């Protein structure tokens, strides 16, 4: 899945990584 621009996909990847990191903290 690719978004309109590489910067958008990179931003989404960073947000997803932080979301997973926060999720692991609560577990």
C-alpha atoms as a PDB file:
ATOM      1  CA  UNK A   1       0.000   0.000   0.000  1.00  0.00           C
ATOM      2  CA  UNK A   2       1.568   3.259  -1.102  1.00  0.00           C
ATOM      3  CA  UNK A   3       0.181   6.713  -0.408  1.00  0.00           C
ATOM      4  CA  UNK A   4       0.290   9.766  -2.662  1.00  0.00           C
ATOM      5  CA  UNK A   5       3.828  10.732  -1.629  1.00  0.00           C
ATOM      6  CA  UNK A   6       6.750   9.021   0.149  1.00  0.00           C
ATOM      7  CA  UNK A   7       6.604  11.656   2.890  1.00  0.00           C
ATOM      8  CA  UNK A   8       2.995  10.696   3.688  1.00  0.00           C
ATOM      9  CA  UNK A   9       3.841   6.989   3.899  1.00  0.00           C
ATOM     10  CA  UNK A  10       6.853   7.814   6.098  1.00  0.00           C
ATOM     11  CA  UNK A  11       4.701   9.916   8.440  1.00  0.00           C
ATOM     12  CA  UNK A  12       2.114   7.132   8.707  1.00  0.00           C
ATOM     13  CA  UNK A  13       4.906   4.627   9.402  1.00  0.00           C
ATOM     14  CA  UNK A  14       6.270   6.810  12.217  1.00  0.00           C
ATOM     15  CA  UNK A  15       2.792   7.245  13.738  1.00  0.00           C
ATOM     16  CA  UNK A  16       2.172   3.494  13.504  1.00  0.00           C
ATOM     17  CA  UNK A  17       5.517   2.774  15.193  1.00  0.00           C
ATOM     18  CA  UNK A  18       4.731   5.176  18.052  1.00  0.00           C
ATOM     19  CA  UNK A  19       1.222   3.728  18.402  1.00  0.00           C
ATOM     20  CA  UNK A  20       2.657   0.200  18.685  1.00  0.00           C
ATOM     21  CA  UNK A  21       5.247   1.435  21.206  1.00  0.00           C
ATOM     22  CA  UNK A  22       2.513   2.965  23.366  1.00  0.00           C
ATOM     23  CA  UNK A  23       0.452  -0.215  23.063  1.00  0.00           C
ATOM     24  CA  UNK A  24       3.353  -2.342  24.294  1.00  0.00           C
ATOM     25  CA  UNK A  25       3.811  -0.023  27.288  1.00  0.00           C
ATOM     26  CA  UNK A  26       0.236  -0.630  28.438  1.00  0.00           C
ATOM     27  CA  UNK A  27       0.562  -4.409  28.024  1.00  0.00           C
END
